[in-house]
PDB file of N, CA and C in Angstrom:
ATOM      1  N   MET A   1     106.236 105.959  86.050  1.00  0.00           N
ATOM      2  CA  MET A   1     106.804 105.304  86.838  1.00  0.00           C
ATOM      3  C   MET A   1     108.322 105.541  86.756  1.00  0.00           C
ATOM      4  N   VAL A   2     108.856 105.540  85.528  1.00  0.00           N
ATOM      5  CA  VAL A   2     110.225 105.824  85.237  1.00  0.00           C
ATOM      6  C   VAL A   2     110.902 107.004  85.841  1.00  0.00           C
ATOM      7  N   LEU A   3     109.902 108.070  85.855  1.00  0.00           N
ATOM      8  CA  LEU A   3     110.417 109.312  86.668  1.00  0.00           C
ATOM      9  C   LEU A   3     110.572 108.949  87.916  1.00  0.00           C
ATOM     10  N   ILE A   4     109.796 108.159  88.780  1.00  0.00           N
ATOM     11  CA  ILE A   4     110.039 107.929  90.027  1.00  0.00           C
ATOM     12  C   ILE A   4     111.336 107.231  90.345  1.00  0.00           C
ATOM     13  N   ILE A   5     111.591 106.162  89.496  1.00  0.00           N
ATOM     14  CA  ILE A   5     112.882 105.477  89.549  1.00  0.00           C
ATOM     15  C   ILE A   5     113.960 106.499  89.358  1.00  0.00           C
ATOM     16  N   VAL A   6     114.008 107.307  88.330  1.00  0.00           N
ATOM     17  CA  VAL A   6     115.003 108.155  88.025  1.00  0.00           C
ATOM     18  C   VAL A   6     115.277 109.081  89.211  1.00  0.00           C
ATOM     19  N   MET A   7     114.306 109.558  89.802  1.00  0.00           N
ATOM     20  CA  MET A   7     114.356 110.422  91.063  1.00  0.00           C
ATOM     21  C   MET A   7     114.971 109.827  92.336  1.00  0.00           C
ATOM     22  N   MET A   8     114.706 108.447  92.432  1.00  0.00           N
ATOM     23  CA  MET A   8     115.305 107.701  93.425  1.00  0.00           C
ATOM     24  C   MET A   8     116.672 107.616  93.199  1.00  0.00           C
ATOM     25  N   CYS A   9     117.245 107.433  91.790  1.00  0.00           N
ATOM     26  CA  CYS A   9     118.470 107.415  91.605  1.00  0.00           C
ATOM     27  C   CYS A   9     119.196 108.631  91.960  1.00  0.00           C
ATOM     28  N   ILE A  10     118.737 109.546  91.709  1.00  0.00           N
ATOM     29  CA  ILE A  10     119.246 110.962  91.943  1.00  0.00           C
ATOM     30  C   ILE A  10     119.260 111.193  93.292  1.00  0.00           C
ATOM     31  N   LEU A  11     118.373 111.102  94.060  1.00  0.00           N
ATOM     32  CA  LEU A  11     118.162 111.360  95.446  1.00  0.00           C
ATOM     33  C   LEU A  11     118.887 110.369  96.532  1.00  0.00           C
ATOM     34  N   CYS A  12     119.010 109.257  96.108  1.00  0.00           N
ATOM     35  CA  CYS A  12     119.726 108.059  97.005  1.00  0.00           C
ATOM     36  C   CYS A  12     121.153 108.394  96.852  1.00  0.00           C
ATOM     37  N   VAL A  13     121.727 109.132  97.723  1.00  0.00           N
ATOM     38  CA  VAL A  13     123.235 109.288  97.677  1.00  0.00           C
ATOM     39  C   VAL A  13     123.823 108.863  99.015  1.00  0.00           C
ATOM     40  N   ALA A  14     124.619 107.845  99.061  1.00  0.00           N
ATOM     41  CA  ALA A  14     124.954 107.556 100.570  1.00  0.00           C
ATOM     42  C   ALA A  14     126.001 108.481 101.045  1.00  0.00           C
ATOM     43  N   ASP A  15     126.713 109.170 100.445  1.00  0.00           N
ATOM     44  CA  ASP A  15     127.630 110.173 100.850  1.00  0.00           C
ATOM     45  C   ASP A  15     127.144 111.686 101.111  1.00  0.00           C
ATOM     46  N   ALA A  16     125.691 111.726 100.940  1.00  0.00           N
ATOM     47  CA  ALA A  16     125.093 113.008 101.164  1.00  0.00           C
ATOM     48  C   ALA A  16     125.183 113.512 102.802  1.00  0.00           C
ATOM     49  N   CYS A  17     125.433 114.591 103.000  1.00  0.00           N
ATOM     50  CA  CYS A  17     125.363 115.170 104.338  1.00  0.00           C
ATOM     51  C   CYS A  17     124.436 114.786 105.318  1.00  0.00           C
ATOM     52  N   GLY A  18     124.399 114.262 106.546  1.00  0.00           N
ATOM     53  CA  GLY A  18     123.512 113.854 107.350  1.00  0.00           C
ATOM     54  C   GLY A  18     122.894 112.529 107.197  1.00  0.00           C
ATOM     55  N   ILE A  19     123.516 111.676 106.469  1.00  0.00           N
ATOM     56  CA  ILE A  19     122.862 110.401 106.258  1.00  0.00           C
ATOM     57  C   ILE A  19     123.373 109.546 107.382  1.00  0.00           C
ATOM     58  N   SER A  20     122.604 109.144 108.205  1.00  0.00           N
ATOM     59  CA  SER A  20     122.972 108.150 109.352  1.00  0.00           C
ATOM     60  C   SER A  20     123.098 106.683 109.094  1.00  0.00           C
ATOM     61  N   ASP A  21     122.355 106.197 108.199  1.00  0.00           N
ATOM     62  CA  ASP A  21     122.313 104.774 107.790  1.00  0.00           C
ATOM     63  C   ASP A  21     122.669 104.443 106.347  1.00  0.00           C
ATOM     64  N   VAL A  22     123.993 104.731 106.193  1.00  0.00           N
ATOM     65  CA  VAL A  22     124.629 104.549 104.752  1.00  0.00           C
ATOM     66  C   VAL A  22     124.353 103.186 104.306  1.00  0.00           C
ATOM     67  N   THR A  23     124.201 102.353 104.804  1.00  0.00           N
ATOM     68  CA  THR A  23     124.011 100.807 104.208  1.00  0.00           C
ATOM     69  C   THR A  23     122.728 100.796 103.674  1.00  0.00           C
ATOM     70  N   HIS A  24     121.579 101.369 104.434  1.00  0.00           N
ATOM     71  CA  HIS A  24     120.373 101.309 103.813  1.00  0.00           C
ATOM     72  C   HIS A  24     120.244 102.325 102.801  1.00  0.00           C
ATOM     73  N   VAL A  25     120.828 103.282 102.635  1.00  0.00           N
ATOM     74  CA  VAL A  25     120.627 104.209 101.485  1.00  0.00           C
ATOM     75  C   VAL A  25     121.346 103.731 100.266  1.00  0.00           C
ATOM     76  N   GLU A  26     122.536 103.056 100.378  1.00  0.00           N
ATOM     77  CA  GLU A  26     123.340 102.299  99.556  1.00  0.00           C
ATOM     78  C   GLU A  26     122.412 101.093  98.890  1.00  0.00           C
ATOM     79  N   SER A  27     121.629 100.440  99.759  1.00  0.00           N
ATOM     80  CA  SER A  27     120.691  99.360  99.112  1.00  0.00           C
ATOM     81  C   SER A  27     119.697  99.981  98.265  1.00  0.00           C
ATOM     82  N   ILE A  28     118.826 101.003  98.756  1.00  0.00           N
ATOM     83  CA  ILE A  28     117.851 101.719  97.889  1.00  0.00           C
ATOM     84  C   ILE A  28     118.604 102.158  96.665  1.00  0.00           C
ATOM     85  N   GLN A  29     119.727 102.911  96.681  1.00  0.00           N
ATOM     86  CA  GLN A  29     120.594 103.205  95.642  1.00  0.00           C
ATOM     87  C   GLN A  29     120.788 102.095  94.478  1.00  0.00           C
ATOM     88  N   GLU A  30     121.201 100.936  95.163  1.00  0.00           N
ATOM     89  CA  GLU A  30     121.350  99.967  94.194  1.00  0.00           C
ATOM     90  C   GLU A  30     120.074  99.320  93.610  1.00  0.00           C
ATOM     91  N   LYS A  31     119.029  99.154  94.319  1.00  0.00           N
ATOM     92  CA  LYS A  31     117.680  98.888  93.797  1.00  0.00           C
ATOM     93  C   LYS A  31     117.118  99.470  92.858  1.00  0.00           C
ATOM     94  N   SER A  32     117.233 100.964  93.025  1.00  0.00           N
ATOM     95  CA  SER A  32     116.602 102.010  92.150  1.00  0.00           C
ATOM     96  C   SER A  32     117.447 101.892  90.804  1.00  0.00           C
ATOM     97  N   GLN A  33     118.759 101.790  90.808  1.00  0.00           N
ATOM     98  CA  GLN A  33     119.589 101.655  89.590  1.00  0.00           C
ATOM     99  C   GLN A  33     119.327 100.298  88.879  1.00  0.00           C
ATOM    100  N   CYS A  34     119.094  99.244  89.558  1.00  0.00           N
ATOM    101  CA  CYS A  34     118.716  97.911  89.114  1.00  0.00           C
ATOM    102  C   CYS A  34     117.261  98.086  88.287  1.00  0.00           C
ATOM    103  N   ALA A  35     116.338  98.683  88.953  1.00  0.00           N
ATOM    104  CA  ALA A  35     115.028  98.967  88.455  1.00  0.00           C
ATOM    105  C   ALA A  35     115.063  99.704  87.125  1.00  0.00           C
ATOM    106  N   LEU A  36     115.985 100.689  87.155  1.00  0.00           N
ATOM    107  CA  LEU A  36     116.186 101.720  85.979  1.00  0.00           C
ATOM    108  C   LEU A  36     116.837 100.792  84.915  1.00  0.00           C
ATOM    109  N   GLU A  37     117.771  99.973  85.116  1.00  0.00           N
ATOM    110  CA  GLU A  37     118.564  99.165  84.170  1.00  0.00           C
ATOM    111  C   GLU A  37     117.562  98.377  83.579  1.00  0.00           C
ATOM    112  N   GLU A  38     116.738  97.497  84.360  1.00  0.00           N
ATOM    113  CA  GLU A  38     115.845  96.744  83.862  1.00  0.00           C
ATOM    114  C   GLU A  38     114.790  97.459  82.894  1.00  0.00           C
ATOM    115  N   TYR A  39     114.271  98.638  83.487  1.00  0.00           N
ATOM    116  CA  TYR A  39     113.463  99.335  82.369  1.00  0.00           C
ATOM    117  C   TYR A  39     113.976  99.565  81.067  1.00  0.00           C
ATOM    118  N   VAL A  40     115.219 100.143  81.152  1.00  0.00           N
ATOM    119  CA  VAL A  40     115.853 100.544  80.065  1.00  0.00           C
ATOM    120  C   VAL A  40     116.149  99.328  79.198  1.00  0.00           C
ATOM    121  N   ARG A  41     116.542  98.296  79.861  1.00  0.00           N
ATOM    122  CA  ARG A  41     117.046  97.046  78.929  1.00  0.00           C
ATOM    123  C   ARG A  41     115.620  96.405  78.205  1.00  0.00           C
ATOM    124  N   THR A  42     114.507  96.552  78.934  1.00  0.00           N
ATOM    125  CA  THR A  42     113.128  95.857  78.391  1.00  0.00           C
ATOM    126  C   THR A  42     112.613  97.060  77.290  1.00  0.00           C
ATOM    127  N   GLN A  43     112.656  98.248  77.650  1.00  0.00           N
ATOM    128  CA  GLN A  43     111.934  99.362  76.728  1.00  0.00           C
ATOM    129  C   GLN A  43     112.821  99.861  75.497  1.00  0.00           C
ATOM    130  N   TYR A  44     114.041  99.705  75.753  1.00  0.00           N
ATOM    131  CA  TYR A  44     114.933 100.148  74.571  1.00  0.00           C
ATOM    132  C   TYR A  44     116.102  98.970  74.425  1.00  0.00           C
ATOM    133  N   PRO A  45     115.491  97.872  73.972  1.00  0.00           N
ATOM    134  CA  PRO A  45     116.495  96.603  73.639  1.00  0.00           C
ATOM    135  C   PRO A  45     117.512  96.812  72.527  1.00  0.00           C
ATOM    136  N   GLY A  46     117.316  97.771  71.767  1.00  0.00           N
ATOM    137  CA  GLY A  46     118.255  97.895  70.728  1.00  0.00           C
ATOM    138  C   GLY A  46     119.567  99.045  71.033  1.00  0.00           C
ATOM    139  N   GLN A  47     119.384  99.578  72.293  1.00  0.00           N
ATOM    140  CA  GLN A  47     120.158 100.552  72.623  1.00  0.00           C
ATOM    141  C   GLN A  47     121.069 100.176  73.969  1.00  0.00           C
ATOM    142  N   ALA A  48     122.088  99.376  73.622  1.00  0.00           N
ATOM    143  CA  ALA A  48     122.792  98.649  74.700  1.00  0.00           C
ATOM    144  C   ALA A  48     123.476  99.693  75.605  1.00  0.00           C
ATOM    145  N   THR A  49     123.693 100.993  75.024  1.00  0.00           N
ATOM    146  CA  THR A  49     124.631 101.893  75.891  1.00  0.00           C
ATOM    147  C   THR A  49     123.701 102.946  76.632  1.00  0.00           C
ATOM    148  N   ARG A  50     122.324 103.044  76.382  1.00  0.00           N
ATOM    149  CA  ARG A  50     121.330 103.769  77.006  1.00  0.00           C
ATOM    150  C   ARG A  50     121.681 104.045  78.559  1.00  0.00           C
ATOM    151  N   PHE A  51     121.595 102.750  79.204  1.00  0.00           N
ATOM    152  CA  PHE A  51     121.524 102.729  80.699  1.00  0.00           C
ATOM    153  C   PHE A  51     122.862 103.442  81.164  1.00  0.00           C
ATOM    154  N   GLY A  52     124.224 103.066  80.508  1.00  0.00           N
ATOM    155  CA  GLY A  52     125.302 103.876  80.971  1.00  0.00           C
ATOM    156  C   GLY A  52     125.232 105.313  80.749  1.00  0.00           C
ATOM    157  N   LYS A  53     124.581 105.640  79.700  1.00  0.00           N
ATOM    158  CA  LYS A  53     124.776 106.979  79.484  1.00  0.00           C
ATOM    159  C   LYS A  53     123.718 107.691  80.452  1.00  0.00           C
ATOM    160  N   LEU A  54     122.742 107.244  80.711  1.00  0.00           N
ATOM    161  CA  LEU A  54     121.833 107.719  81.935  1.00  0.00           C
ATOM    162  C   LEU A  54     122.775 107.876  83.338  1.00  0.00           C
ATOM    163  N   LEU A  55     123.107 106.860  83.521  1.00  0.00           N
ATOM    164  CA  LEU A  55     124.120 106.875  84.762  1.00  0.00           C
ATOM    165  C   LEU A  55     125.055 107.905  84.827  1.00  0.00           C
ATOM    166  N   LEU A  56     125.723 108.242  83.667  1.00  0.00           N
ATOM    167  CA  LEU A  56     126.737 109.334  83.649  1.00  0.00           C
ATOM    168  C   LEU A  56     126.044 110.650  83.764  1.00  0.00           C
ATOM    169  N   ARG A  57     124.776 110.696  83.561  1.00  0.00           N
ATOM    170  CA  ARG A  57     123.983 112.130  83.547  1.00  0.00           C
ATOM    171  C   ARG A  57     123.625 112.317  85.065  1.00  0.00           C
ATOM    172  N   LEU A  58     123.649 111.250  85.844  1.00  0.00           N
ATOM    173  CA  LEU A  58     123.296 111.394  87.392  1.00  0.00           C
ATOM    174  C   LEU A  58     123.957 112.641  88.220  1.00  0.00           C
ATOM    175  N   PRO A  59     125.226 112.873  87.970  1.00  0.00           N
ATOM    176  CA  PRO A  59     125.901 113.759  88.873  1.00  0.00           C
ATOM    177  C   PRO A  59     125.443 115.184  88.518  1.00  0.00           C
ATOM    178  N   SER A  60     125.349 115.385  87.231  1.00  0.00           N
ATOM    179  CA  SER A  60     124.967 116.718  86.813  1.00  0.00           C
ATOM    180  C   SER A  60     123.322 116.833  87.123  1.00  0.00           C
ATOM    181  N   LEU A  61     122.607 115.801  87.114  1.00  0.00           N
ATOM    182  CA  LEU A  61     121.244 115.880  87.608  1.00  0.00           C
ATOM    183  C   LEU A  61     120.846 116.232  89.100  1.00  0.00           C
ATOM    184  N   ARG A  62     122.060 115.637  89.898  1.00  0.00           N
ATOM    185  CA  ARG A  62     122.008 115.910  91.385  1.00  0.00           C
ATOM    186  C   ARG A  62     122.124 117.493  91.783  1.00  0.00           C
ATOM    187  N   THR A  63     122.831 118.142  90.862  1.00  0.00           N
ATOM    188  CA  THR A  63     123.162 119.560  91.178  1.00  0.00           C
ATOM    189  C   THR A  63     121.670 120.360  91.032  1.00  0.00           C
ATOM    190  N   ILE A  64     120.694 119.866  90.399  1.00  0.00           N
ATOM    191  CA  ILE A  64     119.489 120.543  90.288  1.00  0.00           C
ATOM    192  C   ILE A  64     118.666 120.445  91.589  1.00  0.00           C
ATOM    193  N   SER A  65     118.001 121.578  92.106  1.00  0.00           N
ATOM    194  CA  SER A  65     117.401 121.440  93.145  1.00  0.00           C
ATOM    195  C   SER A  65     116.165 120.682  93.208  1.00  0.00           C
ATOM    196  N   ALA A  66     115.724 120.004  94.275  1.00  0.00           N
ATOM    197  CA  ALA A  66     114.774 119.071  94.301  1.00  0.00           C
ATOM    198  C   ALA A  66     113.341 119.826  94.160  1.00  0.00           C
ATOM    199  N   GLN A  67     113.250 121.263  94.318  1.00  0.00           N
ATOM    200  CA  GLN A  67     112.051 121.819  94.001  1.00  0.00           C
ATOM    201  C   GLN A  67     111.864 121.930  92.481  1.00  0.00           C
ATOM    202  N   VAL A  68     112.911 122.299  91.833  1.00  0.00           N
ATOM    203  CA  VAL A  68     112.871 122.541  90.237  1.00  0.00           C
ATOM    204  C   VAL A  68     112.400 121.194  89.704  1.00  0.00           C
ATOM    205  N   ILE A  69     113.212 120.027  89.962  1.00  0.00           N
ATOM    206  CA  ILE A  69     112.839 118.663  89.668  1.00  0.00           C
ATOM    207  C   ILE A  69     111.129 118.404  89.795  1.00  0.00           C
ATOM    208  N   GLU A  70     110.915 118.651  91.029  1.00  0.00           N
ATOM    209  CA  GLU A  70     109.533 118.344  91.510  1.00  0.00           C
ATOM    210  C   GLU A  70     108.497 119.176  90.616  1.00  0.00           C
ATOM    211  N   GLN A  71     108.715 120.351  90.414  1.00  0.00           N
ATOM    212  CA  GLN A  71     107.953 121.354  89.586  1.00  0.00           C
ATOM    213  C   GLN A  71     107.851 120.719  87.948  1.00  0.00           C
ATOM    214  N   LEU A  72     109.238 120.367  87.507  1.00  0.00           N
ATOM    215  CA  LEU A  72     109.200 120.015  85.978  1.00  0.00           C
ATOM    216  C   LEU A  72     108.373 118.754  85.837  1.00  0.00           C
ATOM    217  N   PHE A  73     108.406 117.626  86.853  1.00  0.00           N
ATOM    218  CA  PHE A  73     108.163 116.060  86.444  1.00  0.00           C
ATOM    219  C   PHE A  73     106.929 115.836  87.371  1.00  0.00           C
ATOM    220  N   PHE A  74     106.780 116.203  88.466  1.00  0.00           N
ATOM    221  CA  PHE A  74     106.032 115.662  89.390  1.00  0.00           C
ATOM    222  C   PHE A  74     104.538 116.216  89.621  1.00  0.00           C
ATOM    223  N   VAL A  75     104.550 117.591  89.463  1.00  0.00           N
ATOM    224  CA  VAL A  75     103.207 118.260  89.780  1.00  0.00           C
ATOM    225  C   VAL A  75     102.073 117.845  89.067  1.00  0.00           C
ATOM    226  N   ARG A  76     102.260 117.180  87.960  1.00  0.00           N
ATOM    227  CA  ARG A  76     100.971 116.624  87.112  1.00  0.00           C
ATOM    228  C   ARG A  76     100.758 115.394  87.802  1.00  0.00           C
ATOM    229  N   LEU A  77     101.443 114.652  88.298  1.00  0.00           N
ATOM    230  CA  LEU A  77     101.458 113.401  88.825  1.00  0.00           C
ATOM    231  C   LEU A  77     100.977 113.115  90.159  1.00  0.00           C
ATOM    232  N   VAL A  78     101.552 114.071  91.054  1.00  0.00           N
ATOM    233  CA  VAL A  78     101.134 114.010  92.494  1.00  0.00           C
ATOM    234  C   VAL A  78     100.559 115.279  92.936  1.00  0.00           C
ATOM    235  N   GLY A  79     100.240 116.019  92.245  1.00  0.00           N
ATOM    236  CA  GLY A  79      99.502 117.184  92.547  1.00  0.00           C
ATOM    237  C   GLY A  79     100.551 118.296  93.722  1.00  0.00           C
ATOM    238  N   LYS A  80      99.864 118.505  94.747  1.00  0.00           N
ATOM    239  CA  LYS A  80     100.796 119.354  95.774  1.00  0.00           C
ATOM    240  C   LYS A  80     101.488 118.484  96.642  1.00  0.00           C
ATOM    241  N   THR A  81     101.318 117.097  96.648  1.00  0.00           N
ATOM    242  CA  THR A  81     102.137 116.489  97.782  1.00  0.00           C
ATOM    243  C   THR A  81     103.619 116.501  97.313  1.00  0.00           C
ATOM    244  N   PRO A  82     104.400 116.734  98.524  1.00  0.00           N
ATOM    245  CA  PRO A  82     105.728 116.917  98.337  1.00  0.00           C
ATOM    246  C   PRO A  82     106.491 115.665  97.921  1.00  0.00           C
ATOM    247  N   ILE A  83     107.340 115.660  97.215  1.00  0.00           N
ATOM    248  CA  ILE A  83     107.938 114.396  96.604  1.00  0.00           C
ATOM    249  C   ILE A  83     108.638 113.603  97.754  1.00  0.00           C
ATOM    250  N   GLU A  84     109.228 114.590  98.591  1.00  0.00           N
ATOM    251  CA  GLU A  84     109.894 113.954 100.091  1.00  0.00           C
ATOM    252  C   GLU A  84     108.782 113.140 100.689  1.00  0.00           C
ATOM    253  N   THR A  85     107.602 113.394 100.795  1.00  0.00           N
ATOM    254  CA  THR A  85     106.588 112.727 101.458  1.00  0.00           C
ATOM    255  C   THR A  85     106.365 111.369 100.628  1.00  0.00           C
ATOM    256  N   LEU A  86     106.299 111.509  99.438  1.00  0.00           N
ATOM    257  CA  LEU A  86     106.207 110.158  98.678  1.00  0.00           C
ATOM    258  C   LEU A  86     107.413 109.057  98.797  1.00  0.00           C
ATOM    259  N   ILE A  87     108.494 109.785  98.734  1.00  0.00           N
ATOM    260  CA  ILE A  87     109.655 108.927  98.919  1.00  0.00           C
ATOM    261  C   ILE A  87     109.956 108.224 100.436  1.00  0.00           C
ATOM    262  N   ARG A  88     109.434 109.388 101.269  1.00  0.00           N
ATOM    263  CA  ARG A  88     109.514 108.799 102.654  1.00  0.00           C
ATOM    264  C   ARG A  88     108.406 107.562 102.916  1.00  0.00           C
ATOM    265  N   ASP A  89     107.306 107.827 102.275  1.00  0.00           N
ATOM    266  CA  ASP A  89     106.241 106.599 102.295  1.00  0.00           C
ATOM    267  C   ASP A  89     106.736 105.289 101.609  1.00  0.00           C
ATOM    268  N   MET A  90     107.581 105.363 100.504  1.00  0.00           N
ATOM    269  CA  MET A  90     108.070 104.341  99.773  1.00  0.00           C
ATOM    270  C   MET A  90     109.136 103.563 100.727  1.00  0.00           C
ATOM    271  N   LEU A  91     109.917 104.335 101.486  1.00  0.00           N
ATOM    272  CA  LEU A  91     110.902 103.870 102.257  1.00  0.00           C
ATOM    273  C   LEU A  91     110.527 103.187 103.465  1.00  0.00           C
ATOM    274  N   LEU A  92     109.453 103.923 104.174  1.00  0.00           N
ATOM    275  CA  LEU A  92     108.847 103.364 105.405  1.00  0.00           C
ATOM    276  C   LEU A  92     108.123 101.995 104.998  1.00  0.00           C
ATOM    277  N   SER A  93     107.745 101.846 103.834  1.00  0.00           N
ATOM    278  CA  SER A  93     106.892 100.630 103.498  1.00  0.00           C
ATOM    279  C   SER A  93     108.003  99.340 103.564  1.00  0.00           C
ATOM    280  N   GLY A  94     109.281  99.556 103.441  1.00  0.00           N
ATOM    281  CA  GLY A  94     110.175  98.605 103.726  1.00  0.00           C
ATOM    282  C   GLY A  94     110.224  97.564 102.544  1.00  0.00           C
ATOM    283  N   GLY A  95     110.241  96.366 102.715  1.00  0.00           N
ATOM    284  CA  GLY A  95     110.146  95.148 101.825  1.00  0.00           C
ATOM    285  C   GLY A  95     108.899  95.086 101.082  1.00  0.00           C
ATOM    286  N   SER A  96     107.852  95.636 101.646  1.00  0.00           N
ATOM    287  CA  SER A  96     106.581  95.632 101.025  1.00  0.00           C
ATOM    288  C   SER A  96     106.390  96.519  99.580  1.00  0.00           C
ATOM    289  N   PHE A  97     107.273  97.326  99.576  1.00  0.00           N
ATOM    290  CA  PHE A  97     107.156  98.240  98.029  1.00  0.00           C
ATOM    291  C   PHE A  97     107.629  97.405  96.997  1.00  0.00           C
ATOM    292  N   ASN A  98     106.882  97.315  96.075  1.00  0.00           N
ATOM    293  CA  ASN A  98     107.051  96.321  94.843  1.00  0.00           C
ATOM    294  C   ASN A  98     107.860  97.270  93.887  1.00  0.00           C
ATOM    295  N   TRP A  99     108.894  97.120  93.403  1.00  0.00           N
ATOM    296  CA  TRP A  99     109.661  97.915  92.367  1.00  0.00           C
ATOM    297  C   TRP A  99     108.978  97.176  90.899  1.00  0.00           C
ATOM    298  N   PRO A 100     108.579  98.174  90.305  1.00  0.00           N
ATOM    299  CA  PRO A 100     107.855  97.760  89.031  1.00  0.00           C
ATOM    300  C   PRO A 100     108.638  96.711  87.857  1.00  0.00           C
ATOM    301  N   TYR A 101     109.841  96.863  88.035  1.00  0.00           N
ATOM    302  CA  TYR A 101     110.674  96.206  86.925  1.00  0.00           C
ATOM    303  C   TYR A 101     111.529  95.269  87.436  1.00  0.00           C
ATOM    304  N   MET A 102     111.255  94.876  88.718  1.00  0.00           N
ATOM    305  CA  MET A 102     112.394  93.890  89.212  1.00  0.00           C
ATOM    306  C   MET A 102     111.849  93.145  90.462  1.00  0.00           C
ATOM    307  N   SER A 103     112.412  91.878  90.826  1.00  0.00           N
ATOM    308  CA  SER A 103     111.942  91.259  92.029  1.00  0.00           C
ATOM    309  C   SER A 103     112.791  91.694  93.049  1.00  0.00           C
ATOM    310  N   VAL A 104     112.237  91.926  94.217  1.00  0.00           N
ATOM    311  CA  VAL A 104     113.132  92.276  95.269  1.00  0.00           C
ATOM    312  C   VAL A 104     113.582  91.059  95.998  1.00  0.00           C
ATOM    313  N   GLN A 105     114.894  91.063  96.112  1.00  0.00           N
ATOM    314  CA  GLN A 105     115.737  89.869  96.668  1.00  0.00           C
ATOM    315  C   GLN A 105     115.861  90.007  98.018  1.00  0.00           C
TER     316      GLN A 105
END
């Protein structure tokens, strides 16, 4: 699940070309970063700077094509289902999607 959260952090960029609902994308970005922070805080309690270091890596991770990331991390998890389809389904579920490491407010 942590890979999905990291992928959401990478893909949810409000200033990306063609974004029509910036506020919604920013909200998803914030939720995914909060979920990642909660995960890191609970899984690595002795590493206070780990979350910050992960956030610093996001810009360079965004330069990697989605297809490469999909091949590296998701093929074993989702098979041939495109990651865009999974993310779309999560976004379309609206408030009914339960983030695994945080409560939706």
